């Protein structure tokens, strides 16, 4: 059973709570289809989307394998973000090679052995022609990851915010349970995209979302001139004007959002062990990622309140995950197409629902 009829016949509003990465991509795609979308946002000052480096990488380096659904996610992301750049008249999508600096001989050997595997071959390029030895300490060599890149989340979210304001479809407010119930009772569809901070009394606050604090640094490195991203345990991304984003740390269930000297020291220490250039620290950013125990998103609609949905829990891989699953959720609303079990919020009902 579908929730939506054709846009020209649909009388319901679709209300998106949260204008982070997930809420923004979902709202823009629904707007493309012609639905009446209204976004409510409180400024998301603690959202990871605001400060995220936005890097995506189709590989997992821990056991060197392709990330879950890598091919499908990359295909969807490239198509949708390019379309959104045109829609918003802004540049925020930057495909780039990722140079993996091997930490030891074992990693280098594993790379050589697995680079011909069908699962990995499409994502692994020949060793970069760039001589990185003038820039990085890489005694064990390096590899080249294709189909990687980064999204400038700040430019993207700011451009989208201006778009919604111009259409008079952005409400700058914090949504409480009373407002949520008012919208549901009026017949609107309400989809929560609130990240780590689930709406209390919104029907999904029993889901196991954990705050995962990430800290990143913005640096100026005048003597490092490269279009590539780098991974040496941490990542380093060129963001223009001799500036780079360095990250990231992970802290589960943190006590506060403030930047910490411990995280800063960890990031700088790892950078100094690899980078052969002087740098200047410009900014220290923090945000809370929404983390789920199985590291998969939470998507679906309530059984008791069929117009109440959730699109959340995308964590540090949100840039790749969100476009693909936004399309899946929209198809579910239009045609009743099943949501993939691995991301359906229903998988947690028996374990966590009171």
Protein backbone atom coordinates (compact mmCIF):
# COMPACT_ATOMS: atom_id res chain seq x y z
CA UNK A 1 0.00 0.00 0.00
CA UNK A 2 1.43 3.38 -1.02
CA UNK A 3 1.45 6.52 1.11
CA UNK A 4 1.52 8.96 -1.80
CA UNK A 5 -0.48 9.45 -4.96
CA UNK A 6 0.79 11.29 -8.03
CA UNK A 7 2.12 14.77 -7.11
CA UNK A 8 -0.63 16.58 -9.02
CA UNK A 9 -3.27 14.68 -7.00
CA UNK A 10 -1.54 14.58 -3.63
CA UNK A 11 -3.05 16.88 -1.00
CA UNK A 12 -0.79 15.90 1.91
CA UNK A 13 2.27 17.88 2.89
CA UNK A 14 5.49 15.95 3.49
CA UNK A 15 7.18 17.43 6.54
CA UNK A 16 10.88 16.72 7.03
CA UNK A 17 12.25 17.31 10.53
CA UNK A 18 15.95 18.13 10.30
CA UNK A 19 17.96 19.81 7.56
CA UNK A 20 21.15 17.81 7.92
CA UNK A 21 22.48 15.73 5.05
CA UNK A 22 19.74 13.07 5.23
CA UNK A 23 16.80 15.46 5.51
CA UNK A 24 18.15 17.77 2.83
CA UNK A 25 18.76 15.10 0.18
CA UNK A 26 15.38 13.49 0.85
CA UNK A 27 13.53 16.81 0.74
CA UNK A 28 15.23 17.92 -2.50
CA UNK A 29 14.40 14.64 -4.24
CA UNK A 30 10.77 14.85 -3.17
CA UNK A 31 10.69 18.46 -4.38
CA UNK A 32 12.05 17.31 -7.75
CA UNK A 33 9.07 14.99 -8.06
CA UNK A 34 6.67 17.86 -7.40
CA UNK A 35 5.51 17.11 -3.86
CA UNK A 36 4.76 19.81 -1.31
CA UNK A 37 7.74 19.45 1.04
CA UNK A 38 8.22 21.54 4.19
CA UNK A 39 11.47 21.33 6.16
CA UNK A 40 11.65 22.15 9.88
CA UNK A 41 15.10 22.74 11.36
CA UNK A 42 16.46 24.18 14.59
CA UNK A 43 19.85 25.25 13.28
CA UNK A 44 21.45 21.78 13.81
CA UNK A 45 24.45 23.25 15.66
CA UNK A 46 25.49 19.84 16.97
CA UNK A 47 24.85 17.99 13.70
CA UNK A 48 27.79 16.13 12.22
CA UNK A 49 26.59 17.26 8.77
CA UNK A 50 27.64 20.83 9.51
CA UNK A 51 31.28 20.05 10.25
CA UNK A 52 31.75 16.73 8.43
CA UNK A 53 34.61 16.42 5.98
CA UNK A 54 32.16 14.64 3.68
CA UNK A 55 34.66 12.12 2.34
CA UNK A 56 33.51 8.90 0.72
CA UNK A 57 35.62 5.84 0.03
CA UNK A 58 34.37 2.60 -1.61
CA UNK A 59 36.84 0.43 0.30
CA UNK A 60 37.31 -0.70 3.88
CA UNK A 61 41.00 -0.77 4.73
CA UNK A 62 40.72 -2.93 7.86
CA UNK A 63 40.29 -6.15 5.90
CA UNK A 64 40.59 -4.60 2.45
CA UNK A 65 37.23 -5.27 0.90
CA UNK A 66 34.63 -3.26 -0.94
CA UNK A 67 32.20 -1.44 1.31
CA UNK A 68 28.64 -2.74 1.59
CA UNK A 69 26.71 -2.00 -1.65
CA UNK A 70 29.68 0.08 -2.87
CA UNK A 71 28.88 -0.10 -6.58
CA UNK A 72 25.20 0.77 -6.16
CA UNK A 73 25.88 3.55 -3.65
CA UNK A 74 28.52 5.23 -5.81
CA UNK A 75 26.38 5.07 -8.94
CA UNK A 76 23.45 6.65 -7.11
CA UNK A 77 25.57 9.31 -5.37
CA UNK A 78 27.35 10.48 -8.51
CA UNK A 79 24.06 10.83 -10.39
CA UNK A 80 22.12 12.55 -7.61
CA UNK A 81 24.78 14.98 -6.36
CA UNK A 82 25.54 16.15 -9.90
CA UNK A 83 21.82 16.78 -10.43
CA UNK A 84 21.61 18.64 -7.11
CA UNK A 85 24.52 20.89 -8.09
CA UNK A 86 22.48 21.96 -11.12
CA UNK A 87 19.30 22.35 -9.07
CA UNK A 88 20.99 24.51 -6.42
CA UNK A 89 23.43 26.26 -8.78
CA UNK A 90 26.36 25.49 -6.47
CA UNK A 91 29.55 23.41 -6.56
CA UNK A 92 29.92 21.00 -3.67
CA UNK A 93 30.59 17.54 -5.19
CA UNK A 94 34.27 16.71 -5.71
CA UNK A 95 35.28 13.26 -7.01
CA UNK A 96 38.97 12.69 -6.26
CA UNK A 97 41.52 9.92 -6.02
CA UNK A 98 42.34 8.69 -2.54
CA UNK A 99 45.97 7.82 -1.90
CA UNK A 100 46.27 5.06 0.70
CA UNK A 101 49.66 5.22 2.45
CA UNK A 102 50.47 1.74 3.68
CA UNK A 103 51.27 1.62 7.41
CA UNK A 104 53.34 -1.60 7.16
CA UNK A 105 54.61 -4.34 4.84
CA UNK A 106 51.60 -6.57 5.54
CA UNK A 107 49.20 -3.89 4.26
CA UNK A 108 51.29 -3.35 1.14
CA UNK A 109 51.39 -7.09 0.39
CA UNK A 110 47.67 -7.47 1.02
CA UNK A 111 46.99 -4.63 -1.40
CA UNK A 112 49.04 -6.32 -4.13
CA UNK A 113 47.38 -9.68 -3.57
CA UNK A 114 43.79 -8.44 -3.49
CA UNK A 115 43.98 -5.69 -6.11
CA UNK A 116 43.10 -8.20 -8.86
CA UNK A 117 40.05 -9.55 -6.99
CA UNK A 118 36.85 -8.86 -9.03
CA UNK A 119 35.22 -7.16 -6.02
CA UNK A 120 38.09 -4.67 -5.70
CA UNK A 121 39.50 -4.30 -9.20
CA UNK A 122 37.06 -1.59 -10.24
CA UNK A 123 38.03 0.57 -7.24
CA UNK A 124 41.81 0.11 -7.23
CA UNK A 125 43.93 2.03 -9.70
CA UNK A 126 47.52 1.54 -10.63
CA UNK A 127 49.96 3.03 -8.15
CA UNK A 128 49.74 6.79 -8.51
CA UNK A 129 52.31 8.33 -10.84
CA UNK A 130 52.64 11.15 -8.36
CA UNK A 131 55.86 11.02 -6.37
CA UNK A 132 54.41 11.45 -2.90
CA UNK A 133 57.74 10.84 -1.18
CA UNK A 134 58.43 14.57 -1.25
CA UNK A 135 55.22 15.18 0.69
CA UNK A 136 54.66 12.09 2.86
CA UNK A 137 56.63 9.55 4.79
CA UNK A 138 55.66 6.35 2.93
CA UNK A 139 58.42 3.74 3.30
CA UNK A 140 56.02 0.88 2.48
CA UNK A 141 54.52 2.50 -0.61
CA UNK A 142 50.99 3.57 -1.43
CA UNK A 143 47.92 2.60 -3.41
CA UNK A 144 45.36 4.51 -5.42
CA UNK A 145 41.60 4.27 -4.73
CA UNK A 146 39.25 5.25 -7.55
CA UNK A 147 35.62 6.38 -7.28
CA UNK A 148 36.36 8.26 -4.04
CA UNK A 149 35.85 11.95 -3.28
CA UNK A 150 34.32 14.43 -0.91
CA UNK A 151 31.21 16.54 -0.51
CA UNK A 152 31.47 20.07 0.83
CA UNK A 153 28.60 19.63 3.24
CA UNK A 154 28.56 23.26 4.37
CA UNK A 155 28.15 24.63 0.85
CA UNK A 156 25.56 21.98 0.09
CA UNK A 157 23.47 22.57 3.21
CA UNK A 158 23.70 26.38 2.90
CA UNK A 159 22.64 26.28 -0.75
CA UNK A 160 19.74 23.97 0.07
CA UNK A 161 18.71 26.15 2.99
CA UNK A 162 18.56 29.20 0.70
CA UNK A 163 16.53 27.16 -1.79
CA UNK A 164 13.93 26.17 0.82
CA UNK A 165 13.76 29.71 2.22
CA UNK A 166 13.17 31.15 -1.25
CA UNK A 167 10.31 28.67 -1.77
CA UNK A 168 8.96 29.50 1.71
CA UNK A 169 9.36 25.87 2.64
CA UNK A 170 11.69 26.14 5.61
CA UNK A 171 10.46 26.55 9.19
CA UNK A 172 13.28 27.51 11.54
CA UNK A 173 12.09 25.96 14.76
CA UNK A 174 12.67 23.09 17.16
CA UNK A 175 9.90 20.51 16.81
CA UNK A 176 8.41 18.98 19.97
CA UNK A 177 5.99 16.11 20.39
CA UNK A 178 2.98 18.46 20.47
CA UNK A 179 3.85 19.95 17.07
CA UNK A 180 4.62 16.48 15.70
CA UNK A 181 1.20 15.19 16.84
CA UNK A 182 -0.52 18.25 15.38
CA UNK A 183 0.99 17.53 11.96
CA UNK A 184 0.15 13.83 12.11
CA UNK A 185 -3.44 14.53 13.15
CA UNK A 186 -3.82 16.95 10.24
CA UNK A 187 -2.98 14.13 7.83
CA UNK A 188 0.52 15.21 6.84
CA UNK A 189 3.39 12.78 6.37
CA UNK A 190 6.16 13.50 8.89
CA UNK A 191 9.65 12.05 8.45
CA UNK A 192 12.22 12.43 11.19
CA UNK A 193 15.79 13.10 9.99
CA UNK A 194 17.10 14.35 13.30
CA UNK A 195 20.44 12.55 13.52
CA UNK A 196 21.65 11.61 16.98
CA UNK A 197 18.87 13.50 18.77
CA UNK A 198 15.69 11.49 18.33
CA UNK A 199 12.44 13.38 18.82
CA UNK A 200 11.15 12.63 22.30
CA UNK A 201 7.57 11.45 22.05
CA UNK A 202 7.84 11.13 18.28
CA UNK A 203 7.31 7.38 18.18
CA UNK A 204 10.91 6.40 17.38
CA UNK A 205 12.76 7.50 20.50
CA UNK A 206 13.18 3.84 21.53
CA UNK A 207 15.56 3.13 18.64
CA UNK A 208 19.20 2.45 19.63
CA UNK A 209 20.89 5.57 18.29
CA UNK A 210 24.15 6.39 20.06
CA UNK A 211 26.02 9.67 19.90
CA UNK A 212 29.40 9.28 18.24
CA UNK A 213 31.50 12.41 18.61
CA UNK A 214 33.84 13.26 15.77
CA UNK A 215 36.54 15.92 15.83
CA UNK A 216 38.28 17.31 12.77
CA UNK A 217 40.80 20.08 12.15
CA UNK A 218 41.12 22.62 9.37
CA UNK A 219 44.75 23.32 8.47
CA UNK A 220 46.67 25.57 6.14
CA UNK A 221 49.53 23.81 4.32
CA UNK A 222 50.94 26.32 1.78
CA UNK A 223 53.65 24.02 0.43
CA UNK A 224 51.39 21.01 -0.26
CA UNK A 225 49.91 21.33 -3.74
CA UNK A 226 47.79 18.31 -4.59
CA UNK A 227 44.29 17.42 -5.85
CA UNK A 228 44.38 14.07 -4.04
CA UNK A 229 42.94 12.96 -0.73
CA UNK A 230 45.19 10.91 1.56
CA UNK A 231 44.66 8.19 4.15
CA UNK A 232 47.38 7.29 6.64
CA UNK A 233 45.16 6.10 9.45
CA UNK A 234 43.57 9.55 9.43
CA UNK A 235 42.39 11.35 6.29
CA UNK A 236 43.62 14.61 4.75
CA UNK A 237 41.43 16.36 2.19
CA UNK A 238 42.30 19.45 0.09
CA UNK A 239 39.39 21.90 0.38
CA UNK A 240 40.89 24.84 -1.55
CA UNK A 241 42.92 27.98 -0.87
CA UNK A 242 45.81 25.93 0.60
CA UNK A 243 43.46 24.56 3.25
CA UNK A 244 42.97 20.92 4.24
CA UNK A 245 40.56 19.01 6.46
CA UNK A 246 42.17 16.50 8.83
CA UNK A 247 40.16 13.85 10.64
CA UNK A 248 38.61 12.15 12.23
CA UNK A 249 38.31 10.92 15.79
CA UNK A 250 35.58 8.67 17.19
CA UNK A 251 34.19 8.88 20.73
CA UNK A 252 31.08 6.87 21.60
CA UNK A 253 28.54 8.39 23.99
CA UNK A 254 30.58 11.52 24.79
CA UNK A 255 29.78 13.81 27.70
CA UNK A 256 29.93 17.09 25.78
CA UNK A 257 30.35 18.63 22.32
CA UNK A 258 33.34 20.83 23.16
CA UNK A 259 36.63 20.29 21.28
CA UNK A 260 39.21 18.37 23.31
CA UNK A 261 42.99 18.70 23.49
CA UNK A 262 43.22 14.90 23.50
CA UNK A 263 41.58 14.61 20.09
CA UNK A 264 43.60 17.51 18.71
CA UNK A 265 46.83 15.92 19.91
CA UNK A 266 45.86 12.56 18.37
CA UNK A 267 45.13 14.13 14.99
CA UNK A 268 48.26 16.28 14.92
CA UNK A 269 50.50 13.44 16.10
CA UNK A 270 49.25 11.14 13.33
CA UNK A 271 49.70 13.88 10.76
CA UNK A 272 53.24 14.70 11.84
CA UNK A 273 54.23 11.05 11.54
CA UNK A 274 53.25 11.12 7.84
CA UNK A 275 53.33 14.65 6.44
CA UNK A 276 56.66 16.22 5.48
CA UNK A 277 55.38 19.82 5.44
CA UNK A 278 54.81 22.53 8.01
CA UNK A 279 51.20 23.41 8.70
CA UNK A 280 49.08 25.94 10.56
CA UNK A 281 46.02 25.02 12.62
CA UNK A 282 43.06 27.19 11.65
CA UNK A 283 39.98 25.60 13.21
CA UNK A 284 38.91 22.72 15.43
CA UNK A 285 35.41 21.33 14.71
CA UNK A 286 33.18 18.82 16.50
CA UNK A 287 29.87 17.13 15.78
CA UNK A 288 27.75 14.19 16.90
CA UNK A 289 27.24 11.36 14.42
CA UNK A 290 24.18 9.12 14.86
CA UNK A 291 25.57 5.60 15.30
CA UNK A 292 23.50 2.40 15.30
CA UNK A 293 24.81 -0.91 16.78
CA UNK A 294 25.01 -2.67 13.40
CA UNK A 295 26.25 0.49 11.62
CA UNK A 296 23.27 0.47 9.24
CA UNK A 297 20.66 3.24 8.78
CA UNK A 298 17.18 3.33 10.31
CA UNK A 299 14.48 3.72 7.67
CA UNK A 300 10.74 3.10 7.60
CA UNK A 301 7.30 4.04 8.86
CA UNK A 302 5.50 3.39 12.12
CA UNK A 303 2.98 0.56 12.26
CA UNK A 304 0.77 2.50 14.67
CA UNK A 305 1.10 5.86 12.87
CA UNK A 306 1.46 5.05 9.14
CA UNK A 307 2.21 8.69 8.25
CA UNK A 308 5.14 8.87 10.69
CA UNK A 309 8.51 7.90 9.21
CA UNK A 310 12.19 7.91 10.06
CA UNK A 311 15.26 8.37 7.83
CA UNK A 312 18.20 8.40 10.17
CA UNK A 313 21.33 6.73 11.56
CA UNK A 314 23.66 7.18 8.58
CA UNK A 315 26.79 7.81 10.64
CA UNK A 316 30.17 8.53 9.07
CA UNK A 317 29.24 7.01 5.68
CA UNK A 318 26.22 9.23 5.16
CA UNK A 319 27.49 10.94 2.01
CA UNK A 320 27.36 7.62 0.14
CA UNK A 321 24.38 6.04 1.88
CA UNK A 322 21.85 8.87 1.89
CA UNK A 323 21.13 9.33 -1.87
CA UNK A 324 20.60 5.63 -2.54
CA UNK A 325 18.33 5.06 0.43
CA UNK A 326 16.42 8.31 -0.11
CA UNK A 327 15.37 6.91 -3.47
CA UNK A 328 14.43 3.62 -1.79
CA UNK A 329 12.28 5.39 0.80
CA UNK A 330 10.55 7.47 -1.87
CA UNK A 331 9.76 4.33 -3.90
CA UNK A 332 8.33 2.78 -0.73
CA UNK A 333 6.07 5.81 -0.31
CA UNK A 334 4.99 5.81 -3.96
CA UNK A 335 4.57 2.12 -4.69
CA UNK A 336 4.82 0.25 -1.40
CA UNK A 337 8.14 -1.29 -2.47
CA UNK A 338 9.73 -3.06 0.49
CA UNK A 339 12.58 -1.34 2.32
CA UNK A 340 15.73 -3.45 2.46
CA UNK A 341 15.68 -5.51 5.66
CA UNK A 342 19.23 -4.50 6.61
CA UNK A 343 18.15 -0.85 6.95
CA UNK A 344 14.53 -1.21 8.00
CA UNK A 345 13.94 0.15 11.48
CA UNK A 346 11.66 -2.89 12.05
CA UNK A 347 14.73 -5.06 12.65
CA UNK A 348 15.03 -3.51 16.13
CA UNK A 349 11.41 -3.76 17.24
CA UNK A 350 11.72 -7.09 19.06
CA UNK A 351 14.95 -6.11 20.81
CA UNK A 352 14.39 -2.50 21.84
CA UNK A 353 10.72 -1.56 21.61
CA UNK A 354 9.20 -1.26 25.11
